[in-house]
Amino acid sequence: MHNVKRGKWDKNNQALFLMMIISIDMQKISLENIFLLETKRNNIMNGNFTKITYSNELFTMNGIYVLCPIDVYSVEKIMNKKQVRLNPSISTNSLLIQEVSKFENRLLDYYRQSRNCDRKVSNLLSKQLQGGCIKVYKDFGNDADSPCPTNSMQYVIKISGIWESPEEIGLTYKLFEANENYI
């Protein structure tokens, strides 16, 4: 388990908003601690969305946050968004992508079994990492205008739920920056 603290002052410098993310090692996530909430109509696409919570004897979190130790060779700013570029064939990234793929399949198989779902699995997270480019989302402590150092940043993937179309299922996820000084 890893703690990541992020903070930002409000516009009047009167209050500091802190956000703490607890991230879990992918290999240590137990499916018995994952709870699928009520399935709802998906507002983004034609289909359904099921939110995930993770709970054990110590804490409960909305979604699953996992540390993603990718070896980044560049962070590009396109418009006011950041994209992480990685070489998927170097050993550290290749091993990570294999681990992400196994976890993605375990989680989606768990969903299929628990919901008696026969839809095809879509491994978009693994495919995006294999493609060598993934978008970084902005949060309280991540300023899209800030410099883009590649060696001082760690990344956390938040898996918020499972989407379901008439033909496929897949994970809903986002990648966030986490300064390694806070990990």
C-alpha atoms as a PDB file:
ATOM      1  CA  MET A   1       0.000   0.000   0.000  1.00  0.00           C
ATOM      2  CA  HIS A   2       1.267   3.473  -0.890  1.00  0.00           C
ATOM      3  CA  ASN A   3       0.137   6.914   0.323  1.00  0.00           C
ATOM      4  CA  VAL A   4       0.147   9.801  -2.124  1.00  0.00           C
ATOM      5  CA  LYS A   5      -0.634  13.272  -0.759  1.00  0.00           C
ATOM      6  CA  ARG A   6      -1.564  16.104  -3.078  1.00  0.00           C
ATOM      7  CA  GLY A   7      -2.516  19.632  -2.112  1.00  0.00           C
ATOM      8  CA  LYS A   8      -3.452  22.977  -3.573  1.00  0.00           C
ATOM      9  CA  TRP A   9      -4.367  26.331  -2.049  1.00  0.00           C
ATOM     10  CA  ASP A  10      -7.684  27.905  -2.991  1.00  0.00           C
ATOM     11  CA  LYS A  11      -7.647  31.082  -5.119  1.00  0.00           C
ATOM     12  CA  ASN A  12      -7.548  33.311  -2.014  1.00  0.00           C
ATOM     13  CA  ASN A  13      -4.781  31.276  -0.300  1.00  0.00           C
ATOM     14  CA  GLN A  14      -7.095  30.780   2.671  1.00  0.00           C
ATOM     15  CA  ALA A  15      -7.565  27.025   2.570  1.00  0.00           C
ATOM     16  CA  LEU A  16      -5.362  24.135   1.580  1.00  0.00           C
ATOM     17  CA  PHE A  17      -7.224  21.292  -0.090  1.00  0.00           C
ATOM     18  CA  LEU A  18      -5.473  18.009   0.536  1.00  0.00           C
ATOM     19  CA  MET A  19      -6.145  14.809  -1.258  1.00  0.00           C
ATOM     20  CA  MET A  20      -4.646  11.543  -0.141  1.00  0.00           C
ATOM     21  CA  ILE A  21      -4.679   8.588  -2.467  1.00  0.00           C
ATOM     22  CA  ILE A  22      -4.043   5.132  -1.098  1.00  0.00           C
ATOM     23  CA  SER A  23      -2.737   2.959  -3.887  1.00  0.00           C
ATOM     24  CA  ILE A  24      -2.555  -0.817  -3.780  1.00  0.00           C
ATOM     25  CA  ASP A  25      -0.045  -3.195  -5.336  1.00  0.00           C
ATOM     26  CA  MET A  26      -1.889  -4.889  -8.233  1.00  0.00           C
ATOM     27  CA  GLN A  27      -0.561  -8.312  -7.289  1.00  0.00           C
ATOM     28  CA  LYS A  28      -1.941  -7.983  -3.755  1.00  0.00           C
ATOM     29  CA  ILE A  29      -5.502  -7.052  -4.708  1.00  0.00           C
ATOM     30  CA  SER A  30      -7.924  -9.720  -3.566  1.00  0.00           C
ATOM     31  CA  LEU A  31     -11.088 -10.134  -5.630  1.00  0.00           C
ATOM     32  CA  GLU A  32     -13.014 -10.829  -2.417  1.00  0.00           C
ATOM     33  CA  ASN A  33     -12.385  -7.176  -1.436  1.00  0.00           C
ATOM     34  CA  ILE A  34     -13.867  -5.808  -4.669  1.00  0.00           C
ATOM     35  CA  PHE A  35     -17.528  -4.891  -4.595  1.00  0.00           C
ATOM     36  CA  LEU A  36     -19.627  -4.174  -7.665  1.00  0.00           C
ATOM     37  CA  LEU A  37     -22.275  -1.541  -7.012  1.00  0.00           C
ATOM     38  CA  GLU A  38     -25.630  -1.227  -8.707  1.00  0.00           C
ATOM     39  CA  THR A  39     -25.405  -1.182 -12.500  1.00  0.00           C
ATOM     40  CA  LYS A  40     -26.730   2.020 -14.061  1.00  0.00           C
ATOM     41  CA  ARG A  41     -27.290   3.328 -17.556  1.00  0.00           C
ATOM     42  CA  ASN A  42     -24.023   4.665 -19.000  1.00  0.00           C
ATOM     43  CA  ASN A  43     -24.197   8.387 -19.825  1.00  0.00           C
ATOM     44  CA  ILE A  44     -21.083   8.290 -22.027  1.00  0.00           C
ATOM     45  CA  MET A  45     -21.978   5.427 -24.379  1.00  0.00           C
ATOM     46  CA  ASN A  46     -24.833   3.086 -25.224  1.00  0.00           C
ATOM     47  CA  GLY A  47     -24.787   0.513 -22.437  1.00  0.00           C
ATOM     48  CA  ASN A  48     -24.340   0.233 -18.688  1.00  0.00           C
ATOM     49  CA  PHE A  49     -21.800   1.235 -16.039  1.00  0.00           C
ATOM     50  CA  THR A  50     -21.020  -0.522 -12.762  1.00  0.00           C
ATOM     51  CA  LYS A  51     -19.054   1.367 -10.136  1.00  0.00           C
ATOM     52  CA  ILE A  52     -16.391  -0.518  -8.144  1.00  0.00           C
ATOM     53  CA  THR A  53     -15.444  -0.119  -4.491  1.00  0.00           C
ATOM     54  CA  TYR A  54     -12.526  -1.776  -2.731  1.00  0.00           C
ATOM     55  CA  SER A  55     -12.856  -2.548   0.956  1.00  0.00           C
ATOM     56  CA  ASN A  56     -10.846  -4.460   3.529  1.00  0.00           C
ATOM     57  CA  GLU A  57     -10.563  -4.375   7.334  1.00  0.00           C
ATOM     58  CA  LEU A  58      -8.566  -1.104   7.187  1.00  0.00           C
ATOM     59  CA  PHE A  59     -10.362   1.106   4.665  1.00  0.00           C
ATOM     60  CA  THR A  60     -12.916   1.465   1.869  1.00  0.00           C
ATOM     61  CA  MET A  61     -12.211   3.353  -1.331  1.00  0.00           C
ATOM     62  CA  ASN A  62     -14.305   4.358  -4.302  1.00  0.00           C
ATOM     63  CA  GLY A  63     -12.585   2.654  -7.202  1.00  0.00           C
ATOM     64  CA  ILE A  64      -9.222   0.928  -7.129  1.00  0.00           C
ATOM     65  CA  TYR A  65      -6.014   2.975  -7.127  1.00  0.00           C
ATOM     66  CA  VAL A  66      -2.882   1.130  -8.216  1.00  0.00           C
ATOM     67  CA  LEU A  67       0.658   2.444  -8.425  1.00  0.00           C
ATOM     68  CA  CYS A  68       1.824   2.270 -12.031  1.00  0.00           C
ATOM     69  CA  PRO A  69       5.651   2.408 -12.098  1.00  0.00           C
ATOM     70  CA  ILE A  70       6.045   3.045 -15.821  1.00  0.00           C
ATOM     71  CA  ASP A  71       9.374   4.059 -17.299  1.00  0.00           C
ATOM     72  CA  VAL A  72       8.469   7.213 -19.226  1.00  0.00           C
ATOM     73  CA  TYR A  73      10.693   8.669 -21.933  1.00  0.00           C
ATOM     74  CA  SER A  74       8.636  11.831 -22.486  1.00  0.00           C
ATOM     75  CA  VAL A  75       5.593  13.737 -21.334  1.00  0.00           C
ATOM     76  CA  GLU A  76       4.046  15.805 -24.083  1.00  0.00           C
ATOM     77  CA  LYS A  77       1.752  18.737 -23.628  1.00  0.00           C
ATOM     78  CA  ILE A  78      -0.889  18.825 -26.340  1.00  0.00           C
ATOM     79  CA  MET A  79      -3.238  21.814 -26.075  1.00  0.00           C
ATOM     80  CA  ASN A  80      -3.644  21.902 -22.268  1.00  0.00           C
ATOM     81  CA  LYS A  81      -3.474  18.145 -21.724  1.00  0.00           C
ATOM     82  CA  LYS A  82      -0.522  15.877 -20.969  1.00  0.00           C
ATOM     83  CA  GLN A  83       0.287  12.560 -22.606  1.00  0.00           C
ATOM     84  CA  VAL A  84       2.826  10.111 -21.239  1.00  0.00           C
ATOM     85  CA  ARG A  85       4.997   8.364 -23.821  1.00  0.00           C
ATOM     86  CA  LEU A  86       6.628   5.057 -22.944  1.00  0.00           C
ATOM     87  CA  ASN A  87       8.532   2.334 -24.732  1.00  0.00           C
ATOM     88  CA  PRO A  88       6.434  -0.818 -24.191  1.00  0.00           C
ATOM     89  CA  SER A  89       9.271  -3.142 -25.206  1.00  0.00           C
ATOM     90  CA  ILE A  90      11.782  -2.249 -22.471  1.00  0.00           C
ATOM     91  CA  SER A  91      11.734  -4.833 -19.682  1.00  0.00           C
ATOM     92  CA  THR A  92      10.248  -2.690 -16.862  1.00  0.00           C
ATOM     93  CA  ASN A  93       7.348  -1.528 -19.025  1.00  0.00           C
ATOM     94  CA  SER A  94       6.863  -4.944 -20.634  1.00  0.00           C
ATOM     95  CA  LEU A  95       6.570  -6.597 -17.208  1.00  0.00           C
ATOM     96  CA  LEU A  96       4.193  -3.882 -16.003  1.00  0.00           C
ATOM     97  CA  ILE A  97       1.986  -4.259 -19.096  1.00  0.00           C
ATOM     98  CA  GLN A  98       1.846  -8.041 -18.531  1.00  0.00           C
ATOM     99  CA  GLU A  99       0.844  -7.455 -14.895  1.00  0.00           C
ATOM    100  CA  VAL A 100      -1.810  -4.879 -15.901  1.00  0.00           C
ATOM    101  CA  SER A 101      -3.167  -7.272 -18.535  1.00  0.00           C
ATOM    102  CA  LYS A 102      -3.460 -10.130 -16.008  1.00  0.00           C
ATOM    103  CA  PHE A 103      -5.194  -7.853 -13.500  1.00  0.00           C
ATOM    104  CA  GLU A 104      -7.513  -6.429 -16.162  1.00  0.00           C
ATOM    105  CA  ASN A 105      -8.515  -9.951 -17.230  1.00  0.00           C
ATOM    106  CA  ARG A 106      -8.994 -11.109 -13.601  1.00  0.00           C
ATOM    107  CA  LEU A 107     -11.238  -8.160 -12.824  1.00  0.00           C
ATOM    108  CA  LEU A 108     -13.305  -8.473 -16.003  1.00  0.00           C
ATOM    109  CA  ASP A 109     -13.645 -12.265 -15.571  1.00  0.00           C
ATOM    110  CA  TYR A 110     -14.808 -11.640 -11.997  1.00  0.00           C
ATOM    111  CA  TYR A 111     -17.426  -9.220 -13.359  1.00  0.00           C
ATOM    112  CA  ARG A 112     -18.548 -11.672 -16.050  1.00  0.00           C
ATOM    113  CA  GLN A 113     -18.950 -14.485 -13.510  1.00  0.00           C
ATOM    114  CA  SER A 114     -20.710 -12.419 -10.859  1.00  0.00           C
ATOM    115  CA  ARG A 115     -23.087 -10.786 -13.366  1.00  0.00           C
ATOM    116  CA  ASN A 116     -23.546 -13.875 -15.570  1.00  0.00           C
ATOM    117  CA  CYS A 117     -22.325 -11.823 -18.517  1.00  0.00           C
ATOM    118  CA  ASP A 118     -21.160 -13.389 -21.782  1.00  0.00           C
ATOM    119  CA  ARG A 119     -19.918 -10.239 -23.521  1.00  0.00           C
ATOM    120  CA  LYS A 120     -16.445 -10.080 -25.074  1.00  0.00           C
ATOM    121  CA  VAL A 121     -13.653  -8.628 -22.914  1.00  0.00           C
ATOM    122  CA  SER A 122     -12.043  -5.435 -24.232  1.00  0.00           C
ATOM    123  CA  ASN A 123      -8.586  -4.847 -22.696  1.00  0.00           C
ATOM    124  CA  LEU A 124      -8.336  -1.142 -23.483  1.00  0.00           C
ATOM    125  CA  LEU A 125      -5.982  -0.294 -20.608  1.00  0.00           C
ATOM    126  CA  SER A 126      -3.431  -2.937 -21.629  1.00  0.00           C
ATOM    127  CA  LYS A 127      -3.758  -2.002 -25.298  1.00  0.00           C
ATOM    128  CA  GLN A 128      -3.227   1.674 -24.543  1.00  0.00           C
ATOM    129  CA  LEU A 129      -0.058   0.927 -22.557  1.00  0.00           C
ATOM    130  CA  GLN A 130       1.150  -1.404 -25.344  1.00  0.00           C
ATOM    131  CA  GLY A 131       0.567   1.452 -27.795  1.00  0.00           C
ATOM    132  CA  GLY A 132       3.064   3.563 -25.812  1.00  0.00           C
ATOM    133  CA  CYS A 133       0.865   6.578 -25.092  1.00  0.00           C
ATOM    134  CA  ILE A 134      -1.638   7.374 -22.340  1.00  0.00           C
ATOM    135  CA  LYS A 135      -3.370  10.607 -21.285  1.00  0.00           C
ATOM    136  CA  VAL A 136      -2.698  12.064 -17.829  1.00  0.00           C
ATOM    137  CA  TYR A 137      -5.750  13.501 -16.082  1.00  0.00           C
ATOM    138  CA  LYS A 138      -5.700  16.684 -14.057  1.00  0.00           C
ATOM    139  CA  ASP A 139      -6.458  16.561 -10.328  1.00  0.00           C
ATOM    140  CA  PHE A 140      -5.945  18.928  -7.354  1.00  0.00           C
ATOM    141  CA  GLY A 141      -2.153  18.717  -7.428  1.00  0.00           C
ATOM    142  CA  ASN A 142      -1.577  18.366 -11.159  1.00  0.00           C
ATOM    143  CA  ASP A 143      -1.300  21.567 -13.153  1.00  0.00           C
ATOM    144  CA  ALA A 144      -1.392  20.994 -16.911  1.00  0.00           C
ATOM    145  CA  ASP A 145       0.768  24.113 -17.363  1.00  0.00           C
ATOM    146  CA  SER A 146       3.517  22.879 -15.046  1.00  0.00           C
ATOM    147  CA  PRO A 147       6.813  21.524 -16.384  1.00  0.00           C
ATOM    148  CA  CYS A 148       6.814  17.908 -17.460  1.00  0.00           C
ATOM    149  CA  PRO A 149       9.734  16.187 -15.708  1.00  0.00           C
ATOM    150  CA  THR A 150       9.811  12.477 -16.475  1.00  0.00           C
ATOM    151  CA  ASN A 151      12.180  11.328 -13.733  1.00  0.00           C
ATOM    152  CA  SER A 152      10.428  12.795 -10.670  1.00  0.00           C
ATOM    153  CA  MET A 153       6.914  11.566 -11.328  1.00  0.00           C
ATOM    154  CA  GLN A 154       5.161   8.353 -10.462  1.00  0.00           C
ATOM    155  CA  TYR A 155       1.766   7.451 -11.825  1.00  0.00           C
ATOM    156  CA  VAL A 156      -1.385   6.013 -10.301  1.00  0.00           C
ATOM    157  CA  ILE A 157      -4.162   4.336 -12.263  1.00  0.00           C
ATOM    158  CA  LYS A 158      -7.663   4.760 -10.884  1.00  0.00           C
ATOM    159  CA  ILE A 159     -10.091   2.052 -11.982  1.00  0.00           C
ATOM    160  CA  SER A 160     -13.522   3.472 -11.262  1.00  0.00           C
ATOM    161  CA  GLY A 161     -15.756   0.818 -12.742  1.00  0.00           C
ATOM    162  CA  ILE A 162     -16.733  -1.433 -15.604  1.00  0.00           C
ATOM    163  CA  TRP A 163     -18.493  -0.305 -18.754  1.00  0.00           C
ATOM    164  CA  GLU A 164     -20.725  -2.620 -20.707  1.00  0.00           C
ATOM    165  CA  SER A 165     -21.882  -2.187 -24.301  1.00  0.00           C
ATOM    166  CA  PRO A 166     -24.214  -4.575 -26.122  1.00  0.00           C
ATOM    167  CA  GLU A 167     -21.138  -6.527 -27.336  1.00  0.00           C
ATOM    168  CA  GLU A 168     -18.222  -5.855 -24.943  1.00  0.00           C
ATOM    169  CA  ILE A 169     -17.113  -5.003 -21.401  1.00  0.00           C
ATOM    170  CA  GLY A 170     -14.038  -3.104 -20.220  1.00  0.00           C
ATOM    171  CA  LEU A 171     -12.544  -1.021 -17.431  1.00  0.00           C
ATOM    172  CA  THR A 172     -13.150   2.686 -16.906  1.00  0.00           C
ATOM    173  CA  TYR A 173      -9.807   4.158 -15.794  1.00  0.00           C
ATOM    174  CA  LYS A 174      -7.704   7.298 -15.545  1.00  0.00           C
ATOM    175  CA  LEU A 175      -3.981   7.890 -15.070  1.00  0.00           C
ATOM    176  CA  PHE A 176      -2.898  10.529 -12.515  1.00  0.00           C
ATOM    177  CA  GLU A 177       0.503  11.985 -11.672  1.00  0.00           C
ATOM    178  CA  ALA A 178       1.858  11.415  -8.184  1.00  0.00           C
ATOM    179  CA  ASN A 179       5.081  13.145  -7.195  1.00  0.00           C
ATOM    180  CA  GLU A 180       7.464  10.460  -5.887  1.00  0.00           C
ATOM    181  CA  ASN A 181       8.362  12.651  -2.894  1.00  0.00           C
ATOM    182  CA  TYR A 182       4.950  11.772  -1.491  1.00  0.00           C
ATOM    183  CA  ILE A 183       4.974   8.028  -2.145  1.00  0.00           C
END
